[in-house]
Amino acid sequence: MAYIIREIFTAKPGQAGKMARMFKKMAAAYPDMKGARVMTDMVGPYNTVVMEMEVNKIAEWEKYMDEMRSGKPDPNMTPELMKEMSNYHEMFLTGRREIWRIE
Protein backbone atom coordinates (compact mmCIF):
# COMPACT_ATOMS: atom_id res chain seq x y z
CA MET A 1 0.00 0.00 0.00
CA ALA A 2 1.19 3.55 -0.67
CA TYR A 3 0.16 7.02 0.40
CA ILE A 4 0.18 10.46 -1.17
CA ILE A 5 1.04 13.34 1.15
CA ARG A 6 0.04 16.82 0.02
CA GLU A 7 1.20 19.98 1.75
CA ILE A 8 -1.15 22.72 0.46
CA PHE A 9 -0.35 26.38 1.01
CA THR A 10 -1.98 29.69 0.16
CA ALA A 11 1.03 31.89 -0.46
CA LYS A 12 1.12 35.58 0.26
CA PRO A 13 0.70 37.68 -2.91
CA GLY A 14 3.93 37.66 -4.88
CA GLN A 15 5.36 34.65 -3.00
CA ALA A 16 3.83 31.63 -4.81
CA GLY A 17 6.53 31.36 -7.47
CA LYS A 18 9.33 31.79 -4.94
CA MET A 19 7.76 29.18 -2.68
CA ALA A 20 7.31 26.72 -5.56
CA ARG A 21 10.97 27.12 -6.61
CA MET A 22 12.10 26.56 -3.02
CA PHE A 23 10.00 23.38 -2.71
CA LYS A 24 11.41 22.08 -6.03
CA LYS A 25 14.95 22.54 -4.68
CA MET A 26 13.94 20.73 -1.49
CA ALA A 27 12.40 17.81 -3.42
CA ALA A 28 15.56 17.52 -5.52
CA ALA A 29 17.62 17.28 -2.33
CA TYR A 30 15.77 14.07 -1.39
CA PRO A 31 16.15 11.56 -4.23
CA ASP A 32 14.24 8.95 -2.20
CA MET A 33 11.11 11.17 -2.18
CA LYS A 34 9.25 9.03 -4.69
CA GLY A 35 7.01 10.96 -7.04
CA ALA A 36 7.71 14.31 -5.35
CA ARG A 37 6.33 17.23 -7.30
CA VAL A 38 5.37 20.83 -6.86
CA MET A 39 2.18 22.28 -8.32
CA THR A 40 0.72 25.77 -8.57
CA ASP A 41 -2.89 26.73 -9.19
CA MET A 42 -4.52 27.13 -12.60
CA VAL A 43 -8.05 27.51 -11.22
CA GLY A 44 -9.39 27.77 -7.71
CA PRO A 45 -7.95 29.88 -4.91
CA TYR A 46 -5.14 32.14 -6.12
CA ASN A 47 -1.56 31.69 -4.92
CA THR A 48 -1.97 28.00 -4.10
CA VAL A 49 1.23 25.95 -3.95
CA VAL A 50 1.16 22.19 -3.39
CA MET A 51 4.10 19.95 -2.48
CA GLU A 52 3.16 16.32 -3.09
CA MET A 53 5.10 13.16 -2.34
CA GLU A 54 4.41 9.44 -2.27
CA VAL A 55 5.48 7.10 0.53
CA ASN A 56 5.02 3.38 0.98
CA LYS A 57 4.36 3.69 4.71
CA ILE A 58 3.17 6.58 6.87
CA ALA A 59 6.17 5.80 9.12
CA GLU A 60 8.49 6.96 6.29
CA TRP A 61 6.81 10.36 6.23
CA GLU A 62 6.76 10.56 10.05
CA LYS A 63 10.51 9.90 10.12
CA TYR A 64 11.10 12.62 7.55
CA MET A 65 8.95 15.08 9.56
CA ASP A 66 10.75 14.18 12.82
CA GLU A 67 14.08 14.89 11.12
CA MET A 68 12.81 18.24 9.81
CA ARG A 69 11.54 19.26 13.28
CA SER A 70 14.71 18.17 15.07
CA GLY A 71 16.55 21.37 14.17
CA LYS A 72 19.67 19.36 13.32
CA PRO A 73 21.55 20.16 10.11
CA ASP A 74 20.08 18.12 7.28
CA PRO A 75 22.80 16.30 5.29
CA ASN A 76 20.55 16.32 2.21
CA MET A 77 20.33 20.12 2.07
CA THR A 78 22.98 22.70 1.31
CA PRO A 79 23.44 25.45 3.92
CA GLU A 80 21.90 27.90 1.43
CA LEU A 81 18.75 25.79 1.05
CA MET A 82 18.50 25.29 4.82
CA LYS A 83 18.64 29.07 5.27
CA GLU A 84 16.00 29.58 2.57
CA MET A 85 13.73 26.94 4.16
CA SER A 86 14.15 28.42 7.64
CA ASN A 87 11.83 31.33 6.85
CA TYR A 88 9.28 29.69 4.56
CA HIS A 89 6.59 30.40 7.18
CA GLU A 90 6.84 34.06 6.19
CA MET A 91 5.78 33.15 2.63
CA PHE A 92 2.27 31.83 3.22
CA LEU A 93 -1.01 32.84 4.80
CA THR A 94 -2.44 29.42 5.55
CA GLY A 95 -1.85 25.76 4.82
CA ARG A 96 -3.11 22.28 5.34
CA ARG A 97 -2.04 18.69 4.86
CA GLU A 98 -3.83 15.89 3.07
CA ILE A 99 -2.88 12.22 3.32
CA TRP A 100 -4.42 9.88 0.76
CA ARG A 101 -4.22 6.09 0.67
CA ILE A 102 -3.72 4.74 -2.85
CA GLU A 103 -6.10 1.86 -3.42
PDB file of N, CA and C in Angstrom:
ATOM      1  N   MET A   1       0.847  -1.174   0.000  1.00  0.00           N
ATOM      2  CA  MET A   1       0.000   0.000   0.000  1.00  0.00           C
ATOM      3  C   MET A   1       0.890   1.235   0.000  1.00  0.00           C
ATOM      4  N   ALA A   2       0.430   2.292  -0.623  1.00  0.00           N
ATOM      5  CA  ALA A   2       1.192   3.546  -0.675  1.00  0.00           C
ATOM      6  C   ALA A   2       0.271   4.706  -0.318  1.00  0.00           C
ATOM      7  N   TYR A   3       0.894   5.822  -0.008  1.00  0.00           N
ATOM      8  CA  TYR A   3       0.159   7.018   0.399  1.00  0.00           C
ATOM      9  C   TYR A   3       0.689   8.234  -0.360  1.00  0.00           C
ATOM     10  N   ILE A   4      -0.198   9.165  -0.608  1.00  0.00           N
ATOM     11  CA  ILE A   4       0.185  10.462  -1.173  1.00  0.00           C
ATOM     12  C   ILE A   4       0.024  11.485  -0.060  1.00  0.00           C
ATOM     13  N   ILE A   5       1.069  12.263   0.158  1.00  0.00           N
ATOM     14  CA  ILE A   5       1.044  13.339   1.149  1.00  0.00           C
ATOM     15  C   ILE A   5       1.053  14.655   0.383  1.00  0.00           C
ATOM     16  N   ARG A   6       0.101  15.498   0.658  1.00  0.00           N
ATOM     17  CA  ARG A   6       0.038  16.822   0.020  1.00  0.00           C
ATOM     18  C   ARG A   6       0.110  17.899   1.082  1.00  0.00           C
ATOM     19  N   GLU A   7       1.077  18.792   0.917  1.00  0.00           N
ATOM     20  CA  GLU A   7       1.201  19.982   1.751  1.00  0.00           C
ATOM     21  C   GLU A   7       0.666  21.121   0.884  1.00  0.00           C
ATOM     22  N   ILE A   8      -0.453  21.725   1.282  1.00  0.00           N
ATOM     23  CA  ILE A   8      -1.150  22.717   0.457  1.00  0.00           C
ATOM     24  C   ILE A   8      -1.084  24.071   1.152  1.00  0.00           C
ATOM     25  N   PHE A   9      -0.550  25.057   0.440  1.00  0.00           N
ATOM     26  CA  PHE A   9      -0.353  26.383   1.007  1.00  0.00           C
ATOM     27  C   PHE A   9      -1.048  27.447   0.173  1.00  0.00           C
ATOM     28  N   THR A  10      -1.555  28.467   0.833  1.00  0.00           N
ATOM     29  CA  THR A  10      -1.980  29.692   0.164  1.00  0.00           C
ATOM     30  C   THR A  10      -0.876  30.697   0.437  1.00  0.00           C
ATOM     31  N   ALA A  11      -0.106  30.992  -0.602  1.00  0.00           N
ATOM     32  CA  ALA A  11       1.032  31.892  -0.463  1.00  0.00           C
ATOM     33  C   ALA A  11       0.559  33.336  -0.368  1.00  0.00           C
ATOM     34  N   LYS A  12       1.382  34.149   0.258  1.00  0.00           N
ATOM     35  CA  LYS A  12       1.121  35.584   0.260  1.00  0.00           C
ATOM     36  C   LYS A  12       1.268  36.080  -1.174  1.00  0.00           C
ATOM     37  N   PRO A  13       0.553  37.145  -1.551  1.00  0.00           N
ATOM     38  CA  PRO A  13       0.698  37.682  -2.910  1.00  0.00           C
ATOM     39  C   PRO A  13       2.171  37.944  -3.242  1.00  0.00           C
ATOM     40  N   GLY A  14       2.562  37.488  -4.423  1.00  0.00           N
ATOM     41  CA  GLY A  14       3.934  37.659  -4.879  1.00  0.00           C
ATOM     42  C   GLY A  14       4.907  36.599  -4.392  1.00  0.00           C
ATOM     43  N   GLN A  15       4.463  35.650  -3.580  1.00  0.00           N
ATOM     44  CA  GLN A  15       5.357  34.648  -2.997  1.00  0.00           C
ATOM     45  C   GLN A  15       5.177  33.237  -3.571  1.00  0.00           C
ATOM     46  N   ALA A  16       4.112  32.996  -4.336  1.00  0.00           N
ATOM     47  CA  ALA A  16       3.827  31.631  -4.806  1.00  0.00           C
ATOM     48  C   ALA A  16       4.959  31.072  -5.663  1.00  0.00           C
ATOM     49  N   GLY A  17       5.448  31.843  -6.610  1.00  0.00           N
ATOM     50  CA  GLY A  17       6.532  31.357  -7.470  1.00  0.00           C
ATOM     51  C   GLY A  17       7.797  31.076  -6.687  1.00  0.00           C
ATOM     52  N   LYS A  18       8.132  31.961  -5.784  1.00  0.00           N
ATOM     53  CA  LYS A  18       9.326  31.786  -4.944  1.00  0.00           C
ATOM     54  C   LYS A  18       9.190  30.534  -4.084  1.00  0.00           C
ATOM     55  N   MET A  19       8.010  30.348  -3.519  1.00  0.00           N
ATOM     56  CA  MET A  19       7.755  29.181  -2.677  1.00  0.00           C
ATOM     57  C   MET A  19       7.842  27.890  -3.499  1.00  0.00           C
ATOM     58  N   ALA A  20       7.271  27.899  -4.696  1.00  0.00           N
ATOM     59  CA  ALA A  20       7.312  26.718  -5.561  1.00  0.00           C
ATOM     60  C   ALA A  20       8.754  26.376  -5.928  1.00  0.00           C
ATOM     61  N   ARG A  21       9.563  27.367  -6.273  1.00  0.00           N
ATOM     62  CA  ARG A  21      10.971  27.115  -6.609  1.00  0.00           C
ATOM     63  C   ARG A  21      11.731  26.532  -5.413  1.00  0.00           C
ATOM     64  N   MET A  22      11.452  27.055  -4.226  1.00  0.00           N
ATOM     65  CA  MET A  22      12.104  26.559  -3.017  1.00  0.00           C
ATOM     66  C   MET A  22      11.728  25.090  -2.771  1.00  0.00           C
ATOM     67  N   PHE A  23      10.439  24.761  -2.918  1.00  0.00           N
ATOM     68  CA  PHE A  23      10.003  23.378  -2.715  1.00  0.00           C
ATOM     69  C   PHE A  23      10.609  22.444  -3.765  1.00  0.00           C
ATOM     70  N   LYS A  24      10.775  22.916  -4.991  1.00  0.00           N
ATOM     71  CA  LYS A  24      11.410  22.083  -6.032  1.00  0.00           C
ATOM     72  C   LYS A  24      12.855  21.769  -5.654  1.00  0.00           C
ATOM     73  N   LYS A  25      13.568  22.766  -5.124  1.00  0.00           N
ATOM     74  CA  LYS A  25      14.946  22.535  -4.677  1.00  0.00           C
ATOM     75  C   LYS A  25      14.958  21.516  -3.540  1.00  0.00           C
ATOM     76  N   MET A  26      14.010  21.649  -2.617  1.00  0.00           N
ATOM     77  CA  MET A  26      13.944  20.731  -1.489  1.00  0.00           C
ATOM     78  C   MET A  26      13.666  19.305  -1.976  1.00  0.00           C
ATOM     79  N   ALA A  27      12.720  19.149  -2.898  1.00  0.00           N
ATOM     80  CA  ALA A  27      12.397  17.814  -3.422  1.00  0.00           C
ATOM     81  C   ALA A  27      13.609  17.205  -4.116  1.00  0.00           C
ATOM     82  N   ALA A  28      14.365  18.023  -4.836  1.00  0.00           N
ATOM     83  CA  ALA A  28      15.564  17.519  -5.524  1.00  0.00           C
ATOM     84  C   ALA A  28      16.639  17.068  -4.533  1.00  0.00           C
ATOM     85  N   ALA A  29      16.634  17.639  -3.346  1.00  0.00           N
ATOM     86  CA  ALA A  29      17.625  17.276  -2.326  1.00  0.00           C
ATOM     87  C   ALA A  29      17.356  15.895  -1.723  1.00  0.00           C
ATOM     88  N   TYR A  30      16.156  15.374  -1.945  1.00  0.00           N
ATOM     89  CA  TYR A  30      15.767  14.074  -1.385  1.00  0.00           C
ATOM     90  C   TYR A  30      15.428  13.116  -2.521  1.00  0.00           C
ATOM     91  N   PRO A  31      16.427  12.456  -3.102  1.00  0.00           N
ATOM     92  CA  PRO A  31      16.151  11.557  -4.233  1.00  0.00           C
ATOM     93  C   PRO A  31      15.234  10.392  -3.883  1.00  0.00           C
ATOM     94  N   ASP A  32      15.110  10.064  -2.598  1.00  0.00           N
ATOM     95  CA  ASP A  32      14.235   8.954  -2.200  1.00  0.00           C
ATOM     96  C   ASP A  32      12.780   9.387  -2.038  1.00  0.00           C
ATOM     97  N   MET A  33      12.492  10.673  -2.261  1.00  0.00           N
ATOM     98  CA  MET A  33      11.115  11.172  -2.184  1.00  0.00           C
ATOM     99  C   MET A  33      10.401  10.781  -3.483  1.00  0.00           C
ATOM    100  N   LYS A  34       9.867   9.584  -3.492  1.00  0.00           N
ATOM    101  CA  LYS A  34       9.254   9.029  -4.694  1.00  0.00           C
ATOM    102  C   LYS A  34       8.082   9.881  -5.175  1.00  0.00           C
ATOM    103  N   GLY A  35       8.122  10.239  -6.445  1.00  0.00           N
ATOM    104  CA  GLY A  35       7.007  10.961  -7.037  1.00  0.00           C
ATOM    105  C   GLY A  35       6.824  12.374  -6.512  1.00  0.00           C
ATOM    106  N   ALA A  36       7.851  12.950  -5.879  1.00  0.00           N
ATOM    107  CA  ALA A  36       7.706  14.309  -5.348  1.00  0.00           C
ATOM    108  C   ALA A  36       7.505  15.285  -6.495  1.00  0.00           C
ATOM    109  N   ARG A  37       6.548  16.184  -6.301  1.00  0.00           N
ATOM    110  CA  ARG A  37       6.332  17.229  -7.299  1.00  0.00           C
ATOM    111  C   ARG A  37       5.718  18.444  -6.641  1.00  0.00           C
ATOM    112  N   VAL A  38       5.882  19.556  -7.332  1.00  0.00           N
ATOM    113  CA  VAL A  38       5.370  20.831  -6.857  1.00  0.00           C
ATOM    114  C   VAL A  38       4.381  21.325  -7.898  1.00  0.00           C
ATOM    115  N   MET A  39       3.229  21.808  -7.411  1.00  0.00           N
ATOM    116  CA  MET A  39       2.180  22.279  -8.317  1.00  0.00           C
ATOM    117  C   MET A  39       1.724  23.668  -7.884  1.00  0.00           C
ATOM    118  N   THR A  40       1.315  24.471  -8.857  1.00  0.00           N
ATOM    119  CA  THR A  40       0.716  25.775  -8.572  1.00  0.00           C
ATOM    120  C   THR A  40      -0.648  25.813  -9.241  1.00  0.00           C
ATOM    121  N   ASP A  41      -1.504  26.711  -8.747  1.00  0.00           N
ATOM    122  CA  ASP A  41      -2.891  26.731  -9.193  1.00  0.00           C
ATOM    123  C   ASP A  41      -3.056  27.208 -10.630  1.00  0.00           C
ATOM    124  N   MET A  42      -4.037  26.652 -11.305  1.00  0.00           N
ATOM    125  CA  MET A  42      -4.516  27.125 -12.604  1.00  0.00           C
ATOM    126  C   MET A  42      -5.930  27.684 -12.436  1.00  0.00           C
ATOM    127  N   VAL A  43      -6.708  27.048 -11.588  1.00  0.00           N
ATOM    128  CA  VAL A  43      -8.047  27.513 -11.225  1.00  0.00           C
ATOM    129  C   VAL A  43      -8.210  27.302  -9.727  1.00  0.00           C
ATOM    130  N   GLY A  44      -9.194  27.901  -9.146  1.00  0.00           N
ATOM    131  CA  GLY A  44      -9.394  27.768  -7.706  1.00  0.00           C
ATOM    132  C   GLY A  44      -8.760  28.931  -6.976  1.00  0.00           C
ATOM    133  N   PRO A  45      -8.530  28.772  -5.683  1.00  0.00           N
ATOM    134  CA  PRO A  45      -7.949  29.875  -4.907  1.00  0.00           C
ATOM    135  C   PRO A  45      -6.583  30.301  -5.466  1.00  0.00           C
ATOM    136  N   TYR A  46      -6.404  31.604  -5.619  1.00  0.00           N
ATOM    137  CA  TYR A  46      -5.137  32.137  -6.122  1.00  0.00           C
ATOM    138  C   TYR A  46      -4.007  31.857  -5.158  1.00  0.00           C
ATOM    139  N   ASN A  47      -2.789  31.835  -5.701  1.00  0.00           N
ATOM    140  CA  ASN A  47      -1.557  31.689  -4.918  1.00  0.00           C
ATOM    141  C   ASN A  47      -1.463  30.367  -4.171  1.00  0.00           C
ATOM    142  N   THR A  48      -2.050  29.309  -4.729  1.00  0.00           N
ATOM    143  CA  THR A  48      -1.971  27.995  -4.105  1.00  0.00           C
ATOM    144  C   THR A  48      -0.717  27.267  -4.591  1.00  0.00           C
ATOM    145  N   VAL A  49       0.039  26.736  -3.649  1.00  0.00           N
ATOM    146  CA  VAL A  49       1.235  25.949  -3.946  1.00  0.00           C
ATOM    147  C   VAL A  49       1.084  24.615  -3.227  1.00  0.00           C
ATOM    148  N   VAL A  50       1.305  23.529  -3.961  1.00  0.00           N
ATOM    149  CA  VAL A  50       1.164  22.185  -3.394  1.00  0.00           C
ATOM    150  C   VAL A  50       2.478  21.428  -3.553  1.00  0.00           C
ATOM    151  N   MET A  51       2.954  20.862  -2.462  1.00  0.00           N
ATOM    152  CA  MET A  51       4.102  19.952  -2.478  1.00  0.00           C
ATOM    153  C   MET A  51       3.526  18.566  -2.239  1.00  0.00           C
ATOM    154  N   GLU A  52       3.748  17.658  -3.178  1.00  0.00           N
ATOM    155  CA  GLU A  52       3.164  16.321  -3.090  1.00  0.00           C
ATOM    156  C   GLU A  52       4.271  15.281  -3.156  1.00  0.00           C
ATOM    157  N   MET A  53       4.145  14.259  -2.323  1.00  0.00           N
ATOM    158  CA  MET A  53       5.104  13.159  -2.344  1.00  0.00           C
ATOM    159  C   MET A  53       4.360  11.850  -2.096  1.00  0.00           C
ATOM    160  N   GLU A  54       4.992  10.768  -2.481  1.00  0.00           N
ATOM    161  CA  GLU A  54       4.413   9.444  -2.272  1.00  0.00           C
ATOM    162  C   GLU A  54       5.328   8.663  -1.339  1.00  0.00           C
ATOM    163  N   VAL A  55       4.726   7.966  -0.395  1.00  0.00           N
ATOM    164  CA  VAL A  55       5.479   7.102   0.527  1.00  0.00           C
ATOM    165  C   VAL A  55       4.799   5.742   0.582  1.00  0.00           C
ATOM    166  N   ASN A  56       5.581   4.727   0.869  1.00  0.00           N
ATOM    167  CA  ASN A  56       5.015   3.379   0.981  1.00  0.00           C
ATOM    168  C   ASN A  56       4.359   3.151   2.333  1.00  0.00           C
ATOM    169  N   LYS A  57       4.889   3.831   3.354  1.00  0.00           N
ATOM    170  CA  LYS A  57       4.357   3.692   4.708  1.00  0.00           C
ATOM    171  C   LYS A  57       4.302   5.065   5.354  1.00  0.00           C
ATOM    172  N   ILE A  58       3.297   5.302   6.151  1.00  0.00           N
ATOM    173  CA  ILE A  58       3.174   6.577   6.868  1.00  0.00           C
ATOM    174  C   ILE A  58       4.401   6.787   7.752  1.00  0.00           C
ATOM    175  N   ALA A  59       4.977   5.701   8.262  1.00  0.00           N
ATOM    176  CA  ALA A  59       6.166   5.803   9.119  1.00  0.00           C
ATOM    177  C   ALA A  59       7.325   6.484   8.387  1.00  0.00           C
ATOM    178  N   GLU A  60       7.430   6.295   7.065  1.00  0.00           N
ATOM    179  CA  GLU A  60       8.487   6.965   6.287  1.00  0.00           C
ATOM    180  C   GLU A  60       8.316   8.480   6.374  1.00  0.00           C
ATOM    181  N   TRP A  61       7.096   8.922   6.180  1.00  0.00           N
ATOM    182  CA  TRP A  61       6.808  10.356   6.228  1.00  0.00           C
ATOM    183  C   TRP A  61       7.008  10.887   7.646  1.00  0.00           C
ATOM    184  N   GLU A  62       6.573  10.127   8.658  1.00  0.00           N
ATOM    185  CA  GLU A  62       6.759  10.555  10.046  1.00  0.00           C
ATOM    186  C   GLU A  62       8.241  10.717  10.371  1.00  0.00           C
ATOM    187  N   LYS A  63       9.070   9.806   9.889  1.00  0.00           N
ATOM    188  CA  LYS A  63      10.515   9.896  10.117  1.00  0.00           C
ATOM    189  C   LYS A  63      11.067  11.160   9.477  1.00  0.00           C
ATOM    190  N   TYR A  64      10.662  11.419   8.252  1.00  0.00           N
ATOM    191  CA  TYR A  64      11.095  12.622   7.549  1.00  0.00           C
ATOM    192  C   TYR A  64      10.682  13.876   8.325  1.00  0.00           C
ATOM    193  N   MET A  65       9.439  13.915   8.810  1.00  0.00           N
ATOM    194  CA  MET A  65       8.953  15.075   9.559  1.00  0.00           C
ATOM    195  C   MET A  65       9.710  15.234  10.885  1.00  0.00           C
ATOM    196  N   ASP A  66       9.978  14.127  11.571  1.00  0.00           N
ATOM    197  CA  ASP A  66      10.748  14.184  12.816  1.00  0.00           C
ATOM    198  C   ASP A  66      12.134  14.773  12.570  1.00  0.00           C
ATOM    199  N   GLU A  67      12.764  14.366  11.460  1.00  0.00           N
ATOM    200  CA  GLU A  67      14.084  14.891  11.115  1.00  0.00           C
ATOM    201  C   GLU A  67      14.014  16.392  10.832  1.00  0.00           C
ATOM    202  N   MET A  68      12.969  16.818  10.126  1.00  0.00           N
ATOM    203  CA  MET A  68      12.811  18.244   9.807  1.00  0.00           C
ATOM    204  C   MET A  68      12.613  19.058  11.084  1.00  0.00           C
ATOM    205  N   ARG A  69      11.837  18.541  12.028  1.00  0.00           N
ATOM    206  CA  ARG A  69      11.537  19.263  13.275  1.00  0.00           C
ATOM    207  C   ARG A  69      12.695  19.231  14.279  1.00  0.00           C
ATOM    208  N   SER A  70      13.638  18.344  14.084  1.00  0.00           N
ATOM    209  CA  SER A  70      14.714  18.174  15.066  1.00  0.00           C
ATOM    210  C   SER A  70      15.612  19.398  15.190  1.00  0.00           C
ATOM    211  N   GLY A  71      15.678  20.201  14.140  1.00  0.00           N
ATOM    212  CA  GLY A  71      16.552  21.369  14.168  1.00  0.00           C
ATOM    213  C   GLY A  71      18.004  21.041  13.863  1.00  0.00           C
ATOM    214  N   LYS A  72      18.306  19.759  13.659  1.00  0.00           N
ATOM    215  CA  LYS A  72      19.670  19.359  13.323  1.00  0.00           C
ATOM    216  C   LYS A  72      19.957  19.693  11.861  1.00  0.00           C
ATOM    217  N   PRO A  73      21.209  19.947  11.517  1.00  0.00           N
ATOM    218  CA  PRO A  73      21.551  20.164  10.110  1.00  0.00           C
ATOM    219  C   PRO A  73      21.152  18.955   9.276  1.00  0.00           C
ATOM    220  N   ASP A  74      20.548  19.205   8.149  1.00  0.00           N
ATOM    221  CA  ASP A  74      20.082  18.125   7.276  1.00  0.00           C
ATOM    222  C   ASP A  74      21.160  17.829   6.236  1.00  0.00           C
ATOM    223  N   PRO A  75      21.732  16.616   6.237  1.00  0.00           N
ATOM    224  CA  PRO A  75      22.799  16.299   5.290  1.00  0.00           C
ATOM    225  C   PRO A  75      22.355  16.330   3.830  1.00  0.00           C
ATOM    226  N   ASN A  76      21.046  16.266   3.589  1.00  0.00           N
ATOM    227  CA  ASN A  76      20.552  16.316   2.211  1.00  0.00           C
ATOM    228  C   ASN A  76      20.499  17.734   1.658  1.00  0.00           C
ATOM    229  N   MET A  77      20.497  18.734   2.516  1.00  0.00           N
ATOM    230  CA  MET A  77      20.332  20.122   2.072  1.00  0.00           C
ATOM    231  C   MET A  77      21.628  20.912   2.198  1.00  0.00           C
ATOM    232  N   THR A  78      21.847  21.786   1.237  1.00  0.00           N
ATOM    233  CA  THR A  78      22.977  22.701   1.312  1.00  0.00           C
ATOM    234  C   THR A  78      22.673  23.742   2.395  1.00  0.00           C
ATOM    235  N   PRO A  79      23.699  24.378   2.937  1.00  0.00           N
ATOM    236  CA  PRO A  79      23.441  25.447   3.919  1.00  0.00           C
ATOM    237  C   PRO A  79      22.562  26.564   3.349  1.00  0.00           C
ATOM    238  N   GLU A  80      22.723  26.864   2.063  1.00  0.00           N
ATOM    239  CA  GLU A  80      21.899  27.903   1.430  1.00  0.00           C
ATOM    240  C   GLU A  80      20.428  27.514   1.428  1.00  0.00           C
ATOM    241  N   LEU A  81      20.145  26.248   1.078  1.00  0.00           N
ATOM    242  CA  LEU A  81      18.755  25.790   1.050  1.00  0.00           C
ATOM    243  C   LEU A  81      18.181  25.738   2.463  1.00  0.00           C
ATOM    244  N   MET A  82      18.984  25.317   3.429  1.00  0.00           N
ATOM    245  CA  MET A  82      18.503  25.290   4.816  1.00  0.00           C
ATOM    246  C   MET A  82      18.132  26.698   5.273  1.00  0.00           C
ATOM    247  N   LYS A  83      18.944  27.682   4.905  1.00  0.00           N
ATOM    248  CA  LYS A  83      18.641  29.066   5.275  1.00  0.00           C
ATOM    249  C   LYS A  83      17.355  29.531   4.596  1.00  0.00           C
ATOM    250  N   GLU A  84      17.210  29.200   3.314  1.00  0.00           N
ATOM    251  CA  GLU A  84      15.997  29.576   2.574  1.00  0.00           C
ATOM    252  C   GLU A  84      14.758  28.934   3.198  1.00  0.00           C
ATOM    253  N   MET A  85      14.866  27.663   3.574  1.00  0.00           N
ATOM    254  CA  MET A  85      13.734  26.944   4.161  1.00  0.00           C
ATOM    255  C   MET A  85      13.401  27.454   5.567  1.00  0.00           C
ATOM    256  N   SER A  86      14.368  28.023   6.254  1.00  0.00           N
ATOM    257  CA  SER A  86      14.148  28.423   7.641  1.00  0.00           C
ATOM    258  C   SER A  86      13.094  29.513   7.784  1.00  0.00           C
ATOM    259  N   ASN A  87      12.831  30.269   6.729  1.00  0.00           N
ATOM    260  CA  ASN A  87      11.826  31.328   6.853  1.00  0.00           C
ATOM    261  C   ASN A  87      10.649  31.137   5.901  1.00  0.00           C
ATOM    262  N   TYR A  88      10.392  29.902   5.492  1.00  0.00           N
ATOM    263  CA  TYR A  88       9.283  29.692   4.563  1.00  0.00           C
ATOM    264  C   TYR A  88       7.941  30.037   5.191  1.00  0.00           C
ATOM    265  N   HIS A  89       7.846  30.022   6.525  1.00  0.00           N
ATOM    266  CA  HIS A  89       6.587  30.398   7.182  1.00  0.00           C
ATOM    267  C   HIS A  89       6.179  31.836   6.872  1.00  0.00           C
ATOM    268  N   GLU A  90       7.131  32.665   6.531  1.00  0.00           N
ATOM    269  CA  GLU A  90       6.845  34.057   6.186  1.00  0.00           C
ATOM    270  C   GLU A  90       6.240  34.184   4.789  1.00  0.00           C
ATOM    271  N   MET A  91       6.226  33.096   4.021  1.00  0.00           N
ATOM    272  CA  MET A  91       5.785  33.147   2.627  1.00  0.00           C
ATOM    273  C   MET A  91       4.320  32.781   2.422  1.00  0.00           C
ATOM    274  N   PHE A  92       3.649  32.258   3.444  1.00  0.00           N
ATOM    275  CA  PHE A  92       2.274  31.826   3.220  1.00  0.00           C
ATOM    276  C   PHE A  92       1.326  32.357   4.285  1.00  0.00           C
ATOM    277  N   LEU A  93       0.046  32.387   3.899  1.00  0.00           N
ATOM    278  CA  LEU A  93      -1.013  32.842   4.796  1.00  0.00           C
ATOM    279  C   LEU A  93      -1.603  31.699   5.593  1.00  0.00           C
ATOM    280  N   THR A  94      -1.824  30.579   4.920  1.00  0.00           N
ATOM    281  CA  THR A  94      -2.436  29.415   5.551  1.00  0.00           C
ATOM    282  C   THR A  94      -1.997  28.162   4.815  1.00  0.00           C
ATOM    283  N   GLY A  95      -2.208  27.018   5.445  1.00  0.00           N
ATOM    284  CA  GLY A  95      -1.845  25.760   4.819  1.00  0.00           C
ATOM    285  C   GLY A  95      -2.580  24.608   5.477  1.00  0.00           C
ATOM    286  N   ARG A  96      -2.503  23.496   4.790  1.00  0.00           N
ATOM    287  CA  ARG A  96      -3.114  22.285   5.344  1.00  0.00           C
ATOM    288  C   ARG A  96      -2.397  21.077   4.739  1.00  0.00           C
ATOM    289  N   ARG A  97      -2.638  19.934   5.323  1.00  0.00           N
ATOM    290  CA  ARG A  97      -2.040  18.688   4.856  1.00  0.00           C
ATOM    291  C   ARG A  97      -3.147  17.705   4.515  1.00  0.00           C
ATOM    292  N   GLU A  98      -2.934  16.991   3.433  1.00  0.00           N
ATOM    293  CA  GLU A  98      -3.831  15.885   3.065  1.00  0.00           C
ATOM    294  C   GLU A  98      -2.998  14.622   2.958  1.00  0.00           C
ATOM    295  N   ILE A  99      -3.534  13.515   3.457  1.00  0.00           N
ATOM    296  CA  ILE A  99      -2.881  12.218   3.316  1.00  0.00           C
ATOM    297  C   ILE A  99      -3.895  11.285   2.687  1.00  0.00           C
ATOM    298  N   TRP A 100      -3.534  10.753   1.543  1.00  0.00           N
ATOM    299  CA  TRP A 100      -4.418   9.882   0.759  1.00  0.00           C
ATOM    300  C   TRP A 100      -3.832   8.494   0.650  1.00  0.00           C
ATOM    301  N   ARG A 101      -4.645   7.478   0.887  1.00  0.00           N
ATOM    302  CA  ARG A 101      -4.220   6.092   0.670  1.00  0.00           C
ATOM    303  C   ARG A 101      -4.514   5.730  -0.772  1.00  0.00           C
ATOM    304  N   ILE A 102      -3.527   5.176  -1.457  1.00  0.00           N
ATOM    305  CA  ILE A 102      -3.720   4.745  -2.846  1.00  0.00           C
ATOM    306  C   ILE A 102      -4.289   3.338  -2.807  1.00  0.00           C
ATOM    307  N   GLU A 103      -5.433   3.165  -3.408  1.00  0.00           N
ATOM    308  CA  GLU A 103      -6.102   1.856  -3.421  1.00  0.00           C
ATOM    309  C   GLU A 103      -5.639   1.037  -4.610  1.00  0.00           C
TER     310      GLU A 103
END
